[in-house]
Each structure stands twice: as structure tokens, then as C-alpha cells.
Amino acid sequence: MGPAAFPRSVFVESDRIDACMEYATQNGLAGIAISPLGGFRLADLSFLSRYPGVEHLTILHAEMVDISRVSILRDLRYLQISGRARQSVDLADFPFLRELRIEWWPKLRFGDSMSSLRALSLRGYAPASNDLSRLPEIPELEDLDLVQSHKLTLSGIYRFPTLRRLTLAYMPNLVDLSPLRSFSDGAIEILEFGNCPKLANHDTVSVIQSLRRLAFNKCGEIPSLRFLDDLKALESFSFVDTNIVDGNLTPCLRLQFAGFFDKRHYSHRSSDFPPAGKPTELRPRDSD
């Protein structure tokens, strides 16, 4: 079995591949994990040709192994690749993929459409366009994470109208939130920013009436929280290490949760608010 982070996967060891795969099958494990630092010593993944039915695959330290043979697994539903791979991989080879979590590299090809994908996490995404226009059509995308993209803007995000959760973190040059206005009639329930210190016009998000959870953590300064009054469905707001210039936290009083560090000029202290309860999660969809 894998460690706690991979509770439903077995780590494949190169000196006993068949035994590892048999263990996964016999114990009903969802997938396999491969790590050159965790017992996998082969130069490539050619052994996968013997197991084309794998549906859940995690690859760690991808820069240390040739991952090109992953294209064999046309039944993949989940794919995670950590580390900057060197080989070309075409995501069009995985028509049933529902969840993709990767560290972007230049030889990764998205194709024109990913019709089955529901969740996408991209780390270090750096297209020549510096925006989201190079991503494929993803008509059912619900969950999008963008992390450590130093020049990326949100231009083109309108192409994913079915988003319900959007997370943006460690984007030091992100300023403009105006592309989010395209979600004024959308279904985003959870919107979280972290370590985006140059953000401006935070109140732009007030047009997203479906928001239930909002976070601006380590995101510079917000002149006022009056815009929260426009977010009638909002339940939770976090602004840890983000300064509220006018200090008036009254708009947070109606919320189930407000997370922040106390400051002298704030009208209220963190102890004036209920303690954190169960995190706000996405509501079940009416249909799948």
C-alpha cells in the first residue's frame, strides 16, 4: 500500500511488478503509484503494456523516468503527474479522463477537447499567450486549480462556464479580476485566492451571486468589505494576512465563518465570530 497521501493506490516496485499489481487487484485498490524514489528503478513505464486497464495513475518525480508509455492507458479516469516530465504526452489519448493533476511542461499536449474532464489542477502553467486561451474545450469542468503561474492572467476563463470551484495560488503578478465577471450568471460556489499580493479591485467578485465560500489570503489590501453585502449566498470568508484598509468588519457578522488575523484598526476581533465549523463544500449536482 502507498502512504497516507495515496490510501487507495499501491506503489509499484520494479523488482516485483506483477506482485504489486496482483495485490492491487485482490484488495480492490483504485490505482497504482510510481516513484523513482519509492522503489521503481526502471528507465521507463513499458510494463504498463501488460496492464492496459489501469484507471487511476500517480507518477511522482516524473523528471526521473520516461513517462511516454503512459499513453497506453486509454481507460484512465485519474492522472496525477508530479515533477517536470521531459517526454511528449498527448492528453487526447485519455478520452475517459475525469481528473487531471499535473505540473505543466512544454511538451504536454492538451488536444482540442477534453469532454470527460471534471477536475483540473495545473502547477506552473506558462503558455506563450500568458492566459487560458490555449487550454482545450472542457465543457463539463467543475473544479480548476491554478498554482505557481507567475505571468498568467485570467483572460479566457469564460470558456469554462460550468466551474463550481476555482482556486488560484502563488500567482505573484495576477492583478486583474475583471474576467471573472463572466460568472455573474454562473455556478461558482467556492472561490479562493492565496499568495496573490498584487490583486486589485477585489470587489469585482461581488457579481458572482452563487458564491458560498470566498478567500483572499495574503492578497495585498482590500479598501473595504462593503461588497460582501452583495453576496447574499456567502457563508464563509477568509482574509488571512490581507489587510482591510477601513477596518470595518461588520459585513462579516452575518456569515457562518470569518477567518483573519486581528489588527488594531479592525472593528471586531476574531473571537467575535463563531469558530470554524465544517468547511463549505460543493452542493450535490442535480444530475451528473
Protein backbone atom coordinates (compact mmCIF):
# COMPACT_ATOMS: atom_id res chain seq x y z
CA MET A 1 0.00 0.00 0.00
CA GLY A 2 1.01 3.61 -0.51
CA PRO A 3 1.46 6.10 2.34
CA ALA A 4 -1.41 8.14 3.76
CA ALA A 5 -1.49 10.56 0.81
CA PHE A 6 -2.29 7.64 -1.52
CA PRO A 7 -4.62 5.45 0.54
CA ARG A 8 -6.21 3.72 -2.46
CA SER A 9 -3.07 3.10 -4.51
CA VAL A 10 -0.24 0.62 -4.39
CA PHE A 11 3.30 1.82 -5.08
CA VAL A 12 4.78 -0.33 -7.82
CA GLU A 13 8.26 -1.66 -7.11
CA SER A 14 10.24 -2.52 -10.22
CA ASP A 15 11.66 -5.78 -8.84
CA ARG A 16 8.19 -7.21 -8.16
CA ILE A 17 5.80 -5.52 -10.56
CA ASP A 18 3.47 -8.49 -11.01
CA ALA A 19 3.12 -8.99 -7.26
CA CYS A 20 2.28 -5.32 -6.72
CA MET A 21 -0.32 -5.34 -9.47
CA GLU A 22 -1.87 -8.56 -8.15
CA TYR A 23 -2.06 -7.03 -4.67
CA ALA A 24 -3.90 -4.01 -6.06
CA THR A 25 -6.39 -6.24 -7.86
CA GLN A 26 -7.02 -8.57 -4.93
CA ASN A 27 -7.53 -5.68 -2.49
CA GLY A 28 -9.76 -3.61 -4.73
CA LEU A 29 -7.37 -0.66 -4.85
CA ALA A 30 -8.32 2.08 -7.26
CA GLY A 31 -4.93 2.62 -8.79
CA ILE A 32 -1.17 2.47 -8.84
CA ALA A 33 1.57 4.95 -8.00
CA ILE A 34 5.07 5.11 -9.46
CA SER A 35 8.03 6.86 -7.87
CA PRO A 36 11.72 6.54 -8.84
CA LEU A 37 12.47 7.37 -5.20
CA GLY A 38 9.96 4.84 -3.93
CA GLY A 39 11.09 1.51 -5.33
CA PHE A 40 10.64 1.97 -9.07
CA ARG A 41 14.07 1.69 -10.72
CA LEU A 42 13.24 1.10 -14.41
CA ALA A 43 14.01 3.75 -17.02
CA ASP A 44 10.51 3.82 -18.48
CA LEU A 45 6.91 2.66 -17.99
CA SER A 46 6.79 -0.01 -20.70
CA PHE A 47 5.45 -2.53 -18.16
CA LEU A 48 2.09 -0.73 -18.45
CA SER A 49 1.51 -2.51 -21.78
CA ARG A 50 0.69 -5.60 -19.70
CA TYR A 51 -1.92 -3.70 -17.67
CA PRO A 52 -3.86 -1.50 -20.13
CA GLY A 53 -6.93 -1.44 -17.88
CA VAL A 54 -5.38 0.78 -15.17
CA GLU A 55 -7.81 3.63 -14.41
CA HIS A 56 -6.01 5.55 -11.66
CA LEU A 57 -2.32 6.51 -12.02
CA THR A 58 0.01 8.69 -9.96
CA ILE A 59 3.58 9.42 -11.11
CA LEU A 60 5.98 11.18 -8.74
CA HIS A 61 9.36 12.67 -9.71
CA ALA A 62 8.40 12.41 -13.37
CA GLU A 63 11.63 14.11 -14.43
CA MET A 64 13.49 10.93 -13.41
CA VAL A 65 11.65 8.44 -15.63
CA ASP A 66 10.48 8.22 -19.24
CA ILE A 67 6.69 8.53 -18.96
CA SER A 68 5.85 8.38 -22.68
CA ARG A 69 4.33 4.87 -22.41
CA VAL A 70 1.55 6.22 -20.23
CA SER A 71 -0.35 6.74 -23.49
CA ILE A 72 -1.15 3.02 -23.42
CA LEU A 73 -3.69 3.57 -20.64
CA ARG A 74 -6.70 4.69 -22.66
CA ASP A 75 -9.09 3.81 -19.82
CA LEU A 76 -7.56 6.28 -17.36
CA ARG A 77 -10.03 8.17 -15.19
CA TYR A 78 -7.47 9.84 -12.88
CA LEU A 79 -3.95 11.02 -13.70
CA GLN A 80 -1.51 12.82 -11.43
CA ILE A 81 2.00 13.74 -12.60
CA SER A 82 4.33 15.47 -10.16
CA GLY A 83 7.64 16.80 -11.45
CA ARG A 84 8.52 18.31 -14.83
CA ALA A 85 8.42 15.42 -17.29
CA ARG A 86 10.59 15.53 -20.40
CA GLN A 87 8.66 13.43 -22.89
CA SER A 88 5.72 14.38 -25.06
CA VAL A 89 2.33 13.29 -23.74
CA ASP A 90 -0.93 13.86 -25.60
CA LEU A 91 -3.93 14.06 -23.28
CA ALA A 92 -6.19 13.21 -26.21
CA ASP A 93 -5.05 9.62 -25.60
CA PHE A 94 -7.27 9.53 -22.47
CA PRO A 95 -10.86 10.04 -23.64
CA PHE A 96 -12.40 9.00 -20.29
CA LEU A 97 -10.20 11.14 -18.02
CA ARG A 98 -12.21 12.84 -15.25
CA GLU A 99 -9.47 14.25 -13.00
CA LEU A 100 -6.06 15.60 -14.03
CA ARG A 101 -3.45 16.95 -11.59
CA ILE A 102 -0.14 17.84 -13.19
CA GLU A 103 2.94 20.02 -13.12
CA TRP A 104 2.87 21.56 -16.59
CA TRP A 105 5.74 21.09 -19.03
CA PRO A 106 6.16 22.40 -22.61
CA LYS A 107 5.75 19.00 -24.29
CA LEU A 108 2.35 18.38 -22.74
CA ARG A 109 -0.36 18.47 -25.42
CA PHE A 110 -3.97 19.08 -24.45
CA GLY A 111 -5.67 18.46 -27.78
CA ASP A 112 -8.82 20.31 -28.84
CA SER A 113 -11.31 18.96 -26.31
CA MET A 114 -11.47 17.05 -23.04
CA SER A 115 -15.15 16.23 -22.85
CA SER A 116 -14.99 13.94 -19.79
CA LEU A 117 -12.79 16.08 -17.53
CA ARG A 118 -14.37 17.38 -14.32
CA ALA A 119 -11.33 18.48 -12.27
CA LEU A 120 -8.09 20.09 -13.45
CA SER A 121 -5.10 21.17 -11.36
CA LEU A 122 -2.24 22.89 -13.19
CA ARG A 123 1.01 23.85 -11.48
CA GLY A 124 3.47 26.14 -13.23
CA TYR A 125 1.30 26.65 -16.31
CA ALA A 126 3.20 29.04 -18.61
CA PRO A 127 1.76 29.17 -22.14
CA ALA A 128 3.14 31.65 -24.65
CA SER A 129 -0.17 33.53 -24.53
CA ASN A 130 0.10 34.05 -20.73
CA ASP A 131 -3.63 33.38 -20.44
CA LEU A 132 -6.12 30.49 -20.54
CA SER A 133 -6.89 30.62 -24.25
CA ARG A 134 -4.54 27.72 -25.05
CA LEU A 135 -6.44 25.27 -22.87
CA PRO A 136 -8.82 22.94 -24.73
CA GLU A 137 -12.59 22.98 -24.64
CA ILE A 138 -13.62 21.36 -21.35
CA PRO A 139 -17.43 21.57 -21.40
CA GLU A 140 -18.01 19.84 -18.04
CA LEU A 141 -15.13 21.29 -15.99
CA GLU A 142 -16.24 21.96 -12.40
CA ASP A 143 -13.03 22.27 -10.40
CA LEU A 144 -9.98 24.29 -11.52
CA ASP A 145 -6.75 24.89 -9.57
CA LEU A 146 -4.02 27.16 -10.96
CA VAL A 147 -0.84 27.27 -8.87
CA GLN A 148 2.55 28.96 -9.30
CA SER A 149 1.88 30.59 -12.65
CA HIS A 150 3.99 33.73 -12.49
CA LYS A 151 2.70 35.60 -15.56
CA LEU A 152 -0.70 34.03 -16.11
CA THR A 153 -3.82 36.20 -16.41
CA LEU A 154 -7.45 35.07 -16.18
CA SER A 155 -8.28 36.10 -19.72
CA GLY A 156 -10.15 33.24 -21.39
CA ILE A 157 -11.66 31.81 -18.23
CA TYR A 158 -15.12 32.49 -19.64
CA ARG A 159 -14.61 29.32 -21.69
CA PHE A 160 -15.37 27.23 -18.58
CA PRO A 161 -18.90 28.32 -17.63
CA THR A 162 -19.62 25.16 -15.62
CA LEU A 163 -16.96 25.91 -12.96
CA ARG A 164 -18.14 25.43 -9.41
CA ARG A 165 -14.78 25.73 -7.62
CA LEU A 166 -11.85 27.95 -8.60
CA THR A 167 -8.56 28.16 -6.69
CA LEU A 168 -5.67 30.46 -7.61
CA ALA A 169 -2.48 30.38 -5.55
CA TYR A 170 1.08 31.70 -5.72
CA MET A 171 0.41 33.92 -8.70
CA PRO A 172 2.61 36.91 -7.79
CA ASN A 173 1.73 39.05 -10.82
CA LEU A 174 -2.00 38.46 -11.02
CA VAL A 175 -3.79 41.83 -10.89
CA ASP A 176 -6.95 41.89 -12.97
CA LEU A 177 -10.07 40.04 -11.79
CA SER A 178 -12.40 41.51 -14.40
CA PRO A 179 -12.56 38.25 -16.43
CA LEU A 180 -14.49 36.76 -13.50
CA ARG A 181 -17.46 38.95 -14.41
CA SER A 182 -18.33 36.27 -16.95
CA PHE A 183 -19.55 34.17 -14.00
CA SER A 184 -22.26 36.62 -12.94
CA ASP A 185 -24.80 34.06 -14.15
CA GLY A 186 -22.59 31.06 -13.41
CA ALA A 187 -22.45 28.43 -10.70
CA ILE A 188 -19.17 29.10 -8.86
CA GLU A 189 -19.70 28.31 -5.18
CA ILE A 190 -16.10 28.32 -3.94
CA LEU A 191 -13.52 30.94 -4.98
CA GLU A 192 -10.16 31.02 -3.24
CA PHE A 193 -7.08 33.18 -3.77
CA GLY A 194 -3.82 32.66 -1.89
CA ASN A 195 -0.49 34.47 -2.15
CA CYS A 196 -1.58 36.80 -4.95
CA PRO A 197 -0.19 40.05 -3.47
CA LYS A 198 -0.83 42.34 -6.47
CA LEU A 199 -4.56 41.70 -6.75
CA ALA A 200 -6.63 44.84 -7.32
CA ASN A 201 -10.34 45.52 -7.29
CA HIS A 202 -11.14 42.54 -5.09
CA ASP A 203 -14.77 43.69 -5.07
CA THR A 204 -15.11 42.54 -8.70
CA VAL A 205 -16.18 39.16 -7.33
CA SER A 206 -19.39 40.69 -5.96
CA VAL A 207 -21.08 39.92 -9.30
CA ILE A 208 -20.78 36.16 -8.63
CA GLN A 209 -24.04 35.70 -6.77
CA SER A 210 -23.59 31.94 -6.39
CA LEU A 211 -20.55 32.28 -4.08
CA ARG A 212 -20.77 30.44 -0.78
CA ARG A 213 -17.08 30.45 0.19
CA LEU A 214 -14.58 33.19 -0.62
CA ALA A 215 -10.94 33.58 0.38
CA PHE A 216 -8.37 36.31 -0.21
CA ASN A 217 -5.42 35.09 1.86
CA LYS A 218 -2.14 37.01 1.56
CA CYS A 219 -3.66 39.10 -1.22
CA GLY A 220 -2.47 42.63 -0.54
CA GLU A 221 -5.03 45.18 0.65
CA ILE A 222 -8.80 45.46 0.32
CA PRO A 223 -10.14 49.01 0.77
CA SER A 224 -13.50 47.88 2.18
CA LEU A 225 -15.62 44.78 2.71
CA ARG A 226 -18.88 46.50 1.76
CA PHE A 227 -19.03 44.36 -1.38
CA LEU A 228 -19.77 41.31 0.78
CA ASP A 229 -23.28 42.70 1.27
CA ASP A 230 -23.98 41.92 -2.39
CA LEU A 231 -23.07 38.24 -1.95
CA LYS A 232 -26.32 37.00 -0.45
CA ALA A 233 -25.39 33.30 -0.55
CA LEU A 234 -21.96 33.77 1.07
CA GLU A 235 -21.34 31.64 4.16
CA SER A 236 -17.58 31.81 4.66
CA PHE A 237 -14.94 34.48 4.07
CA SER A 238 -11.23 34.24 4.84
CA PHE A 239 -8.72 37.08 4.53
CA VAL A 240 -5.70 35.88 6.49
CA ASP A 241 -2.72 38.25 6.06
CA THR A 242 -4.80 40.51 3.80
CA ASN A 243 -5.32 44.00 5.21
CA ILE A 244 -8.78 45.59 5.24
CA VAL A 245 -7.93 49.27 4.92
CA ASP A 246 -11.02 50.85 6.50
CA GLY A 247 -11.01 48.22 9.27
CA ASN A 248 -14.79 47.73 9.19
CA LEU A 249 -15.56 44.02 9.53
CA THR A 250 -19.30 44.47 10.10
CA PRO A 251 -20.20 42.85 6.73
CA CYS A 252 -18.75 39.60 8.08
CA LEU A 253 -21.09 39.38 11.06
CA ARG A 254 -23.87 37.58 9.16
CA LEU A 255 -21.51 34.85 7.94
CA GLN A 256 -21.08 31.38 9.42
CA PHE A 257 -17.30 31.84 9.38
CA ALA A 258 -14.79 34.66 9.05
CA GLY A 259 -11.08 33.85 9.15
CA PHE A 260 -8.47 36.56 9.75
CA PHE A 261 -5.68 37.77 12.00
CA ASP A 262 -6.55 40.52 14.46
CA LYS A 263 -5.34 44.04 13.72
CA ARG A 264 -5.54 47.16 15.90
CA HIS A 265 -7.66 49.13 13.45
CA TYR A 266 -10.23 46.36 12.90
CA SER A 267 -13.74 46.95 14.27
CA HIS A 268 -14.00 43.37 15.54
CA ARG A 269 -11.69 40.65 16.79
CA SER A 270 -11.60 37.06 15.60
CA SER A 271 -13.10 36.00 18.93
CA ASP A 272 -16.28 37.90 18.00
CA PHE A 273 -17.03 35.31 15.31
CA PRO A 274 -18.06 31.67 15.57
CA PRO A 275 -15.21 29.14 15.47
CA ALA A 276 -14.57 27.30 12.26
CA GLY A 277 -17.08 24.54 11.72
CA LYS A 278 -17.49 22.13 8.88
CA PRO A 279 -15.86 23.57 5.72
CA THR A 280 -18.20 24.77 2.99
CA GLU A 281 -18.36 22.08 0.33
CA LEU A 282 -19.94 21.97 -3.09
CA ARG A 283 -23.60 21.11 -3.11
CA PRO A 284 -24.51 17.89 -4.97
CA ARG A 285 -25.39 18.40 -8.59
CA ASP A 286 -28.99 17.88 -9.63
CA SER A 287 -27.78 15.47 -12.29
CA ASP A 288 -24.47 14.06 -13.41
